[in-house]
Amino acid sequence: MAAVSLSVSTVKPLADRVFVKVSASEEKTAGGLYLPDTAKEKPQVGEVVAIGPGRRSDDGSRQEMEIKVGDKVLYSKYAGTDVKLGTEEYVLLSEKDILAVVS
């Protein structure tokens, strides 16, 4: 079986899928206590690095995506598929799993 080398530029989401770079999780609490790796929650905020062409409607035309590359988004906690490329963490999810665009 051949090894596949993946990078962000080689990943092209299909349909209404979105490829998001996960933001770093908090290292310490508001009170100043440092959190161990086992106590950290999975981040729900990230930056969109690639989007698919959009979902097909019933008549066969493509529906335009509401988000664009570079948007910072808030997504559902257990949504998508986690992908690790090098040292960076990404999540591949459907557009419907994105809850909001964060400014």
PDB file of N, CA and C in Angstrom:
ATOM      1  N   MET A   1       0.844  -1.173   0.000  1.00  0.00           N
ATOM      2  CA  MET A   1       0.000   0.000   0.000  1.00  0.00           C
ATOM      3  C   MET A   1       0.894   1.242   0.000  1.00  0.00           C
ATOM      4  N   ALA A   2       0.641   2.190  -0.879  1.00  0.00           N
ATOM      5  CA  ALA A   2       1.463   3.391  -1.000  1.00  0.00           C
ATOM      6  C   ALA A   2       1.086   4.412   0.054  1.00  0.00           C
ATOM      7  N   ALA A   3       2.057   5.133   0.535  1.00  0.00           N
ATOM      8  CA  ALA A   3       1.829   6.191   1.515  1.00  0.00           C
ATOM      9  C   ALA A   3       1.330   7.432   0.785  1.00  0.00           C
ATOM     10  N   VAL A   4       0.388   8.130   1.392  1.00  0.00           N
ATOM     11  CA  VAL A   4      -0.177   9.343   0.811  1.00  0.00           C
ATOM     12  C   VAL A   4       0.291  10.530   1.643  1.00  0.00           C
ATOM     13  N   SER A   5       0.840  11.520   0.980  1.00  0.00           N
ATOM     14  CA  SER A   5       1.295  12.724   1.661  1.00  0.00           C
ATOM     15  C   SER A   5       0.216  13.796   1.519  1.00  0.00           C
ATOM     16  N   LEU A   6      -0.356  14.211   2.647  1.00  0.00           N
ATOM     17  CA  LEU A   6      -1.415  15.218   2.629  1.00  0.00           C
ATOM     18  C   LEU A   6      -0.905  16.542   3.175  1.00  0.00           C
ATOM     19  N   SER A   7      -1.395  17.616   2.593  1.00  0.00           N
ATOM     20  CA  SER A   7      -1.167  18.952   3.123  1.00  0.00           C
ATOM     21  C   SER A   7      -2.467  19.724   2.959  1.00  0.00           C
ATOM     22  N   VAL A   8      -2.534  20.885   3.562  1.00  0.00           N
ATOM     23  CA  VAL A   8      -3.758  21.682   3.493  1.00  0.00           C
ATOM     24  C   VAL A   8      -4.099  22.023   2.046  1.00  0.00           C
ATOM     25  N   SER A   9      -3.104  22.279   1.236  1.00  0.00           N
ATOM     26  CA  SER A   9      -3.360  22.651  -0.160  1.00  0.00           C
ATOM     27  C   SER A   9      -3.858  21.482  -1.005  1.00  0.00           C
ATOM     28  N   THR A  10      -3.644  20.234  -0.565  1.00  0.00           N
ATOM     29  CA  THR A  10      -4.098  19.081  -1.337  1.00  0.00           C
ATOM     30  C   THR A  10      -5.481  18.603  -0.926  1.00  0.00           C
ATOM     31  N   VAL A  11      -6.043  19.156   0.152  1.00  0.00           N
ATOM     32  CA  VAL A  11      -7.368  18.744   0.617  1.00  0.00           C
ATOM     33  C   VAL A  11      -8.420  19.647  -0.016  1.00  0.00           C
ATOM     34  N   LYS A  12      -9.334  19.067  -0.781  1.00  0.00           N
ATOM     35  CA  LYS A  12     -10.430  19.805  -1.428  1.00  0.00           C
ATOM     36  C   LYS A  12     -11.744  19.175  -0.984  1.00  0.00           C
ATOM     37  N   PRO A  13     -12.490  19.826  -0.082  1.00  0.00           N
ATOM     38  CA  PRO A  13     -13.764  19.269   0.378  1.00  0.00           C
ATOM     39  C   PRO A  13     -14.773  19.137  -0.757  1.00  0.00           C
ATOM     40  N   LEU A  14     -15.659  18.156  -0.647  1.00  0.00           N
ATOM     41  CA  LEU A  14     -16.701  17.924  -1.636  1.00  0.00           C
ATOM     42  C   LEU A  14     -18.034  18.454  -1.124  1.00  0.00           C
ATOM     43  N   ALA A  15     -18.945  18.740  -2.045  1.00  0.00           N
ATOM     44  CA  ALA A  15     -20.313  19.184  -1.758  1.00  0.00           C
ATOM     45  C   ALA A  15     -20.313  20.340  -0.755  1.00  0.00           C
ATOM     46  N   ASP A  16     -21.052  20.190   0.357  1.00  0.00           N
ATOM     47  CA  ASP A  16     -21.155  21.286   1.327  1.00  0.00           C
ATOM     48  C   ASP A  16     -20.228  21.079   2.523  1.00  0.00           C
ATOM     49  N   ARG A  17     -19.086  20.423   2.297  1.00  0.00           N
ATOM     50  CA  ARG A  17     -18.128  20.178   3.371  1.00  0.00           C
ATOM     51  C   ARG A  17     -17.189  21.379   3.544  1.00  0.00           C
ATOM     52  N   VAL A  18     -16.693  21.533   4.782  1.00  0.00           N
ATOM     53  CA  VAL A  18     -15.829  22.648   5.140  1.00  0.00           C
ATOM     54  C   VAL A  18     -14.621  22.090   5.889  1.00  0.00           C
ATOM     55  N   PHE A  19     -13.427  22.556   5.562  1.00  0.00           N
ATOM     56  CA  PHE A  19     -12.187  22.137   6.218  1.00  0.00           C
ATOM     57  C   PHE A  19     -11.745  23.282   7.117  1.00  0.00           C
ATOM     58  N   VAL A  20     -11.711  23.021   8.437  1.00  0.00           N
ATOM     59  CA  VAL A  20     -11.483  24.066   9.432  1.00  0.00           C
ATOM     60  C   VAL A  20     -10.229  23.766  10.238  1.00  0.00           C
ATOM     61  N   LYS A  21      -9.364  24.774  10.407  1.00  0.00           N
ATOM     62  CA  LYS A  21      -8.196  24.657  11.281  1.00  0.00           C
ATOM     63  C   LYS A  21      -8.658  24.958  12.700  1.00  0.00           C
ATOM     64  N   VAL A  22      -8.450  24.008  13.601  1.00  0.00           N
ATOM     65  CA  VAL A  22      -8.920  24.126  14.979  1.00  0.00           C
ATOM     66  C   VAL A  22      -8.052  25.122  15.736  1.00  0.00           C
ATOM     67  N   SER A  23      -8.703  26.034  16.487  1.00  0.00           N
ATOM     68  CA  SER A  23      -7.977  26.973  17.332  1.00  0.00           C
ATOM     69  C   SER A  23      -7.408  26.247  18.538  1.00  0.00           C
ATOM     70  N   ALA A  24      -6.342  26.792  19.087  1.00  0.00           N
ATOM     71  CA  ALA A  24      -5.712  26.182  20.261  1.00  0.00           C
ATOM     72  C   ALA A  24      -6.645  26.258  21.465  1.00  0.00           C
ATOM     73  N   SER A  25      -6.641  25.211  22.282  1.00  0.00           N
ATOM     74  CA  SER A  25      -7.481  25.197  23.481  1.00  0.00           C
ATOM     75  C   SER A  25      -6.819  26.004  24.590  1.00  0.00           C
ATOM     76  N   GLU A  26      -7.619  26.406  25.545  1.00  0.00           N
ATOM     77  CA  GLU A  26      -7.126  27.199  26.664  1.00  0.00           C
ATOM     78  C   GLU A  26      -6.163  26.394  27.521  1.00  0.00           C
ATOM     79  N   GLU A  27      -5.062  27.016  27.901  1.00  0.00           N
ATOM     80  CA  GLU A  27      -4.062  26.359  28.729  1.00  0.00           C
ATOM     81  C   GLU A  27      -4.363  26.503  30.221  1.00  0.00           C
ATOM     82  N   LYS A  28      -5.077  27.586  30.592  1.00  0.00           N
ATOM     83  CA  LYS A  28      -5.391  27.776  32.004  1.00  0.00           C
ATOM     84  C   LYS A  28      -6.787  28.361  32.171  1.00  0.00           C
ATOM     85  N   THR A  29      -7.323  28.229  33.378  1.00  0.00           N
ATOM     86  CA  THR A  29      -8.671  28.695  33.675  1.00  0.00           C
ATOM     87  C   THR A  29      -8.667  30.205  33.912  1.00  0.00           C
ATOM     88  N   ALA A  30      -9.849  30.788  34.068  1.00  0.00           N
ATOM     89  CA  ALA A  30      -9.970  32.216  34.352  1.00  0.00           C
ATOM     90  C   ALA A  30      -9.313  32.567  35.683  1.00  0.00           C
ATOM     91  N   GLY A  31      -9.277  31.617  36.605  1.00  0.00           N
ATOM     92  CA  GLY A  31      -8.660  31.833  37.913  1.00  0.00           C
ATOM     93  C   GLY A  31      -7.153  31.666  37.903  1.00  0.00           C
ATOM     94  N   GLY A  32      -6.562  31.257  36.772  1.00  0.00           N
ATOM     95  CA  GLY A  32      -5.118  31.142  36.665  1.00  0.00           C
ATOM     96  C   GLY A  32      -4.567  29.742  36.852  1.00  0.00           C
ATOM     97  N   LEU A  33      -5.426  28.743  37.005  1.00  0.00           N
ATOM     98  CA  LEU A  33      -4.962  27.372  37.170  1.00  0.00           C
ATOM     99  C   LEU A  33      -4.654  26.761  35.806  1.00  0.00           C
ATOM    100  N   TYR A  34      -3.508  26.090  35.700  1.00  0.00           N
ATOM    101  CA  TYR A  34      -3.145  25.424  34.456  1.00  0.00           C
ATOM    102  C   TYR A  34      -3.877  24.097  34.342  1.00  0.00           C
ATOM    103  N   LEU A  35      -4.385  23.824  33.133  1.00  0.00           N
ATOM    104  CA  LEU A  35      -5.140  22.600  32.891  1.00  0.00           C
ATOM    105  C   LEU A  35      -4.254  21.510  32.304  1.00  0.00           C
ATOM    106  N   PRO A  36      -4.352  20.283  32.830  1.00  0.00           N
ATOM    107  CA  PRO A  36      -3.627  19.175  32.185  1.00  0.00           C
ATOM    108  C   PRO A  36      -4.337  18.796  30.878  1.00  0.00           C
ATOM    109  N   ASP A  37      -3.633  18.097  30.004  1.00  0.00           N
ATOM    110  CA  ASP A  37      -4.201  17.710  28.706  1.00  0.00           C
ATOM    111  C   ASP A  37      -5.490  16.912  28.849  1.00  0.00           C
ATOM    112  N   THR A  38      -5.614  16.106  29.896  1.00  0.00           N
ATOM    113  CA  THR A  38      -6.798  15.267  30.073  1.00  0.00           C
ATOM    114  C   THR A  38      -8.027  16.072  30.481  1.00  0.00           C
ATOM    115  N   ALA A  39      -7.833  17.284  30.992  1.00  0.00           N
ATOM    116  CA  ALA A  39      -8.966  18.098  31.458  1.00  0.00           C
ATOM    117  C   ALA A  39      -9.427  19.119  30.421  1.00  0.00           C
ATOM    118  N   LYS A  40      -8.684  19.264  29.347  1.00  0.00           N
ATOM    119  CA  LYS A  40      -9.041  20.257  28.326  1.00  0.00           C
ATOM    120  C   LYS A  40     -10.205  19.755  27.486  1.00  0.00           C
ATOM    121  N   GLU A  41     -11.107  20.685  27.159  1.00  0.00           N
ATOM    122  CA  GLU A  41     -12.221  20.344  26.278  1.00  0.00           C
ATOM    123  C   GLU A  41     -11.814  20.571  24.830  1.00  0.00           C
ATOM    124  N   LYS A  42     -12.452  19.850  23.939  1.00  0.00           N
ATOM    125  CA  LYS A  42     -12.196  20.013  22.512  1.00  0.00           C
ATOM    126  C   LYS A  42     -12.672  21.412  22.088  1.00  0.00           C
ATOM    127  N   PRO A  43     -11.820  22.186  21.423  1.00  0.00           N
ATOM    128  CA  PRO A  43     -12.232  23.532  20.981  1.00  0.00           C
ATOM    129  C   PRO A  43     -13.366  23.448  19.968  1.00  0.00           C
ATOM    130  N   GLN A  44     -14.195  24.469  19.939  1.00  0.00           N
ATOM    131  CA  GLN A  44     -15.314  24.520  19.007  1.00  0.00           C
ATOM    132  C   GLN A  44     -15.194  25.703  18.054  1.00  0.00           C
ATOM    133  N   VAL A  45     -14.044  26.361  18.040  1.00  0.00           N
ATOM    134  CA  VAL A  45     -13.821  27.518  17.190  1.00  0.00           C
ATOM    135  C   VAL A  45     -12.631  27.233  16.286  1.00  0.00           C
ATOM    136  N   GLY A  46     -12.738  27.665  15.043  1.00  0.00           N
ATOM    137  CA  GLY A  46     -11.639  27.477  14.111  1.00  0.00           C
ATOM    138  C   GLY A  46     -11.757  28.391  12.912  1.00  0.00           C
ATOM    139  N   GLU A  47     -10.740  28.354  12.067  1.00  0.00           N
ATOM    140  CA  GLU A  47     -10.708  29.176  10.864  1.00  0.00           C
ATOM    141  C   GLU A  47     -10.899  28.302   9.635  1.00  0.00           C
ATOM    142  N   VAL A  48     -11.780  28.715   8.747  1.00  0.00           N
ATOM    143  CA  VAL A  48     -12.070  27.975   7.517  1.00  0.00           C
ATOM    144  C   VAL A  48     -10.872  28.103   6.577  1.00  0.00           C
ATOM    145  N   VAL A  49     -10.309  26.953   6.157  1.00  0.00           N
ATOM    146  CA  VAL A  49      -9.162  26.967   5.233  1.00  0.00           C
ATOM    147  C   VAL A  49      -9.537  26.468   3.838  1.00  0.00           C
ATOM    148  N   ALA A  50     -10.651  25.743   3.709  1.00  0.00           N
ATOM    149  CA  ALA A  50     -11.103  25.283   2.391  1.00  0.00           C
ATOM    150  C   ALA A  50     -12.589  24.962   2.465  1.00  0.00           C
ATOM    151  N   ILE A  51     -13.301  25.211   1.370  1.00  0.00           N
ATOM    152  CA  ILE A  51     -14.726  24.886   1.291  1.00  0.00           C
ATOM    153  C   ILE A  51     -15.004  24.133  -0.002  1.00  0.00           C
ATOM    154  N   GLY A  52     -16.084  23.360   0.027  1.00  0.00           N
ATOM    155  CA  GLY A  52     -16.512  22.646  -1.166  1.00  0.00           C
ATOM    156  C   GLY A  52     -17.313  23.555  -2.082  1.00  0.00           C
ATOM    157  N   PRO A  53     -17.730  23.056  -3.223  1.00  0.00           N
ATOM    158  CA  PRO A  53     -18.466  23.873  -4.191  1.00  0.00           C
ATOM    159  C   PRO A  53     -19.913  24.162  -3.788  1.00  0.00           C
ATOM    160  N   GLY A  54     -20.446  23.463  -2.813  1.00  0.00           N
ATOM    161  CA  GLY A  54     -21.823  23.681  -2.380  1.00  0.00           C
ATOM    162  C   GLY A  54     -22.678  22.459  -2.633  1.00  0.00           C
ATOM    163  N   ARG A  55     -23.808  22.405  -1.938  1.00  0.00           N
ATOM    164  CA  ARG A  55     -24.724  21.277  -2.041  1.00  0.00           C
ATOM    165  C   ARG A  55     -25.585  21.417  -3.291  1.00  0.00           C
ATOM    166  N   ARG A  56     -25.937  20.289  -3.866  1.00  0.00           N
ATOM    167  CA  ARG A  56     -26.846  20.314  -5.023  1.00  0.00           C
ATOM    168  C   ARG A  56     -28.287  20.354  -4.539  1.00  0.00           C
ATOM    169  N   SER A  57     -29.081  21.218  -5.160  1.00  0.00           N
ATOM    170  CA  SER A  57     -30.500  21.288  -4.824  1.00  0.00           C
ATOM    171  C   SER A  57     -31.261  20.232  -5.625  1.00  0.00           C
ATOM    172  N   ASP A  58     -32.561  20.152  -5.407  1.00  0.00           N
ATOM    173  CA  ASP A  58     -33.378  19.133  -6.076  1.00  0.00           C
ATOM    174  C   ASP A  58     -33.387  19.273  -7.604  1.00  0.00           C
ATOM    175  N   ASP A  59     -33.237  20.509  -8.106  1.00  0.00           N
ATOM    176  CA  ASP A  59     -33.248  20.704  -9.564  1.00  0.00           C
ATOM    177  C   ASP A  59     -31.863  20.537 -10.191  1.00  0.00           C
ATOM    178  N   GLY A  60     -30.854  20.200  -9.390  1.00  0.00           N
ATOM    179  CA  GLY A  60     -29.517  19.929  -9.907  1.00  0.00           C
ATOM    180  C   GLY A  60     -28.557  21.095  -9.851  1.00  0.00           C
ATOM    181  N   SER A  61     -29.041  22.280  -9.500  1.00  0.00           N
ATOM    182  CA  SER A  61     -28.140  23.436  -9.422  1.00  0.00           C
ATOM    183  C   SER A  61     -27.410  23.444  -8.074  1.00  0.00           C
ATOM    184  N   ARG A  62     -26.290  24.132  -8.025  1.00  0.00           N
ATOM    185  CA  ARG A  62     -25.500  24.233  -6.789  1.00  0.00           C
ATOM    186  C   ARG A  62     -26.011  25.383  -5.931  1.00  0.00           C
ATOM    187  N   GLN A  63     -26.101  25.129  -4.625  1.00  0.00           N
ATOM    188  CA  GLN A  63     -26.452  26.188  -3.687  1.00  0.00           C
ATOM    189  C   GLN A  63     -25.152  26.786  -3.158  1.00  0.00           C
ATOM    190  N   GLU A  64     -25.046  28.092  -3.199  1.00  0.00           N
ATOM    191  CA  GLU A  64     -23.831  28.778  -2.781  1.00  0.00           C
ATOM    192  C   GLU A  64     -23.611  28.622  -1.277  1.00  0.00           C
ATOM    193  N   MET A  65     -22.355  28.475  -0.883  1.00  0.00           N
ATOM    194  CA  MET A  65     -21.998  28.344   0.525  1.00  0.00           C
ATOM    195  C   MET A  65     -22.164  29.703   1.213  1.00  0.00           C
ATOM    196  N   GLU A  66     -22.620  29.684   2.467  1.00  0.00           N
ATOM    197  CA  GLU A  66     -22.804  30.928   3.219  1.00  0.00           C
ATOM    198  C   GLU A  66     -21.514  31.430   3.847  1.00  0.00           C
ATOM    199  N   ILE A  67     -20.506  30.578   3.940  1.00  0.00           N
ATOM    200  CA  ILE A  67     -19.237  30.981   4.535  1.00  0.00           C
ATOM    201  C   ILE A  67     -18.171  31.034   3.456  1.00  0.00           C
ATOM    202  N   LYS A  68     -17.034  31.625   3.806  1.00  0.00           N
ATOM    203  CA  LYS A  68     -15.934  31.711   2.850  1.00  0.00           C
ATOM    204  C   LYS A  68     -14.622  31.398   3.559  1.00  0.00           C
ATOM    205  N   VAL A  69     -13.583  31.149   2.801  1.00  0.00           N
ATOM    206  CA  VAL A  69     -12.266  30.863   3.354  1.00  0.00           C
ATOM    207  C   VAL A  69     -11.796  32.079   4.157  1.00  0.00           C
ATOM    208  N   GLY A  70     -11.279  31.824   5.341  1.00  0.00           N
ATOM    209  CA  GLY A  70     -10.809  32.902   6.211  1.00  0.00           C
ATOM    210  C   GLY A  70     -11.770  33.252   7.319  1.00  0.00           C
ATOM    211  N   ASP A  71     -13.035  32.814   7.225  1.00  0.00           N
ATOM    212  CA  ASP A  71     -14.014  33.070   8.285  1.00  0.00           C
ATOM    213  C   ASP A  71     -13.641  32.303   9.541  1.00  0.00           C
ATOM    214  N   LYS A  72     -13.852  32.921  10.697  1.00  0.00           N
ATOM    215  CA  LYS A  72     -13.676  32.238  11.976  1.00  0.00           C
ATOM    216  C   LYS A  72     -15.068  31.754  12.376  1.00  0.00           C
ATOM    217  N   VAL A  73     -15.201  30.450  12.631  1.00  0.00           N
ATOM    218  CA  VAL A  73     -16.524  29.870  12.852  1.00  0.00           C
ATOM    219  C   VAL A  73     -16.605  29.119  14.181  1.00  0.00           C
ATOM    220  N   LEU A  74     -17.821  29.025  14.682  1.00  0.00           N
ATOM    221  CA  LEU A  74     -18.162  28.235  15.861  1.00  0.00           C
ATOM    222  C   LEU A  74     -18.953  27.043  15.348  1.00  0.00           C
ATOM    223  N   TYR A  75     -18.523  25.826  15.718  1.00  0.00           N
ATOM    224  CA  TYR A  75     -19.188  24.632  15.206  1.00  0.00           C
ATOM    225  C   TYR A  75     -19.619  23.722  16.344  1.00  0.00           C
ATOM    226  N   SER A  76     -20.498  22.774  16.043  1.00  0.00           N
ATOM    227  CA  SER A  76     -21.029  21.843  17.034  1.00  0.00           C
ATOM    228  C   SER A  76     -19.903  21.049  17.692  1.00  0.00           C
ATOM    229  N   LYS A  77     -20.101  20.724  18.951  1.00  0.00           N
ATOM    230  CA  LYS A  77     -19.056  20.096  19.761  1.00  0.00           C
ATOM    231  C   LYS A  77     -18.574  18.752  19.217  1.00  0.00           C
ATOM    232  N   TYR A  78     -19.462  17.894  18.825  1.00  0.00           N
ATOM    233  CA  TYR A  78     -19.082  16.549  18.370  1.00  0.00           C
ATOM    234  C   TYR A  78     -19.240  16.372  16.865  1.00  0.00           C
ATOM    235  N   ALA A  79     -19.186  17.461  16.111  1.00  0.00           N
ATOM    236  CA  ALA A  79     -19.393  17.410  14.662  1.00  0.00           C
ATOM    237  C   ALA A  79     -18.099  17.108  13.927  1.00  0.00           C
ATOM    238  N   GLY A  80     -18.220  16.524  12.761  1.00  0.00           N
ATOM    239  CA  GLY A  80     -17.114  16.382  11.847  1.00  0.00           C
ATOM    240  C   GLY A  80     -16.144  15.257  12.126  1.00  0.00           C
ATOM    241  N   THR A  81     -15.126  15.222  11.301  1.00  0.00           N
ATOM    242  CA  THR A  81     -14.068  14.226  11.379  1.00  0.00           C
ATOM    243  C   THR A  81     -12.756  14.938  11.676  1.00  0.00           C
ATOM    244  N   ASP A  82     -12.074  14.518  12.743  1.00  0.00           N
ATOM    245  CA  ASP A  82     -10.801  15.121  13.118  1.00  0.00           C
ATOM    246  C   ASP A  82      -9.699  14.631  12.191  1.00  0.00           C
ATOM    247  N   VAL A  83      -8.857  15.571  11.732  1.00  0.00           N
ATOM    248  CA  VAL A  83      -7.747  15.262  10.840  1.00  0.00           C
ATOM    249  C   VAL A  83      -6.507  15.964  11.393  1.00  0.00           C
ATOM    250  N   LYS A  84      -5.392  15.249  11.457  1.00  0.00           N
ATOM    251  CA  LYS A  84      -4.147  15.847  11.915  1.00  0.00           C
ATOM    252  C   LYS A  84      -3.151  15.815  10.758  1.00  0.00           C
ATOM    253  N   LEU A  85      -2.684  17.002  10.347  1.00  0.00           N
ATOM    254  CA  LEU A  85      -1.692  17.143   9.294  1.00  0.00           C
ATOM    255  C   LEU A  85      -0.447  17.775   9.909  1.00  0.00           C
ATOM    256  N   GLY A  86       0.589  17.007  10.052  1.00  0.00           N
ATOM    257  CA  GLY A  86       1.793  17.493  10.728  1.00  0.00           C
ATOM    258  C   GLY A  86       1.488  17.711  12.197  1.00  0.00           C
ATOM    259  N   THR A  87       1.714  18.921  12.673  1.00  0.00           N
ATOM    260  CA  THR A  87       1.421  19.243  14.071  1.00  0.00           C
ATOM    261  C   THR A  87       0.095  19.978  14.218  1.00  0.00           C
ATOM    262  N   GLU A  88      -0.520  20.348  13.117  1.00  0.00           N
ATOM    263  CA  GLU A  88      -1.776  21.098  13.144  1.00  0.00           C
ATOM    264  C   GLU A  88      -2.985  20.163  13.174  1.00  0.00           C
ATOM    265  N   GLU A  89      -4.047  20.605  13.862  1.00  0.00           N
ATOM    266  CA  GLU A  89      -5.285  19.837  13.924  1.00  0.00           C
ATOM    267  C   GLU A  89      -6.364  20.544  13.108  1.00  0.00           C
ATOM    268  N   TYR A  90      -7.118  19.742  12.359  1.00  0.00           N
ATOM    269  CA  TYR A  90      -8.196  20.241  11.512  1.00  0.00           C
ATOM    270  C   TYR A  90      -9.440  19.397  11.763  1.00  0.00           C
ATOM    271  N   VAL A  91     -10.578  19.920  11.318  1.00  0.00           N
ATOM    272  CA  VAL A  91     -11.814  19.154  11.367  1.00  0.00           C
ATOM    273  C   VAL A  91     -12.522  19.345  10.029  1.00  0.00           C
ATOM    274  N   LEU A  92     -13.010  18.249   9.469  1.00  0.00           N
ATOM    275  CA  LEU A  92     -13.764  18.273   8.222  1.00  0.00           C
ATOM    276  C   LEU A  92     -15.221  18.077   8.587  1.00  0.00           C
ATOM    277  N   LEU A  93     -16.051  19.084   8.314  1.00  0.00           N
ATOM    278  CA  LEU A  93     -17.452  19.001   8.724  1.00  0.00           C
ATOM    279  C   LEU A  93     -18.383  19.538   7.668  1.00  0.00           C
ATOM    280  N   SER A  94     -19.650  19.260   7.839  1.00  0.00           N
ATOM    281  CA  SER A  94     -20.681  19.722   6.925  1.00  0.00           C
ATOM    282  C   SER A  94     -21.048  21.162   7.267  1.00  0.00           C
ATOM    283  N   GLU A  95     -21.487  21.920   6.279  1.00  0.00           N
ATOM    284  CA  GLU A  95     -21.858  23.317   6.511  1.00  0.00           C
ATOM    285  C   GLU A  95     -22.975  23.444   7.551  1.00  0.00           C
ATOM    286  N   LYS A  96     -23.860  22.448   7.627  1.00  0.00           N
ATOM    287  CA  LYS A  96     -24.967  22.525   8.582  1.00  0.00           C
ATOM    288  C   LYS A  96     -24.501  22.404  10.037  1.00  0.00           C
ATOM    289  N   ASP A  97     -23.266  21.902  10.261  1.00  0.00           N
ATOM    290  CA  ASP A  97     -22.714  21.780  11.605  1.00  0.00           C
ATOM    291  C   ASP A  97     -22.098  23.092  12.099  1.00  0.00           C
ATOM    292  N   ILE A  98     -21.978  24.075  11.237  1.00  0.00           N
ATOM    293  CA  ILE A  98     -21.454  25.391  11.642  1.00  0.00           C
ATOM    294  C   ILE A  98     -22.599  26.193  12.241  1.00  0.00           C
ATOM    295  N   LEU A  99     -22.388  26.664  13.467  1.00  0.00           N
ATOM    296  CA  LEU A  99     -23.426  27.373  14.200  1.00  0.00           C
ATOM    297  C   LEU A  99     -23.401  28.874  13.963  1.00  0.00           C
ATOM    298  N   ALA A 100     -22.198  29.450  13.834  1.00  0.00           N
ATOM    299  CA  ALA A 100     -22.091  30.910  13.690  1.00  0.00           C
ATOM    300  C   ALA A 100     -20.740  31.292  13.123  1.00  0.00           C
ATOM    301  N   VAL A 101     -20.706  32.484  12.523  1.00  0.00           N
ATOM    302  CA  VAL A 101     -19.445  33.100  12.115  1.00  0.00           C
ATOM    303  C   VAL A 101     -19.082  34.078  13.217  1.00  0.00           C
ATOM    304  N   VAL A 102     -17.858  33.957  13.746  1.00  0.00           N
ATOM    305  CA  VAL A 102     -17.402  34.794  14.860  1.00  0.00           C
ATOM    306  C   VAL A 102     -16.548  35.916  14.306  1.00  0.00           C
ATOM    307  N   SER A 103     -16.807  37.131  14.763  1.00  0.00           N
ATOM    308  CA  SER A 103     -16.010  38.269  14.277  1.00  0.00           C
ATOM    309  C   SER A 103     -14.934  38.662  15.261  1.00  0.00           C
TER     310      SER A 103
END
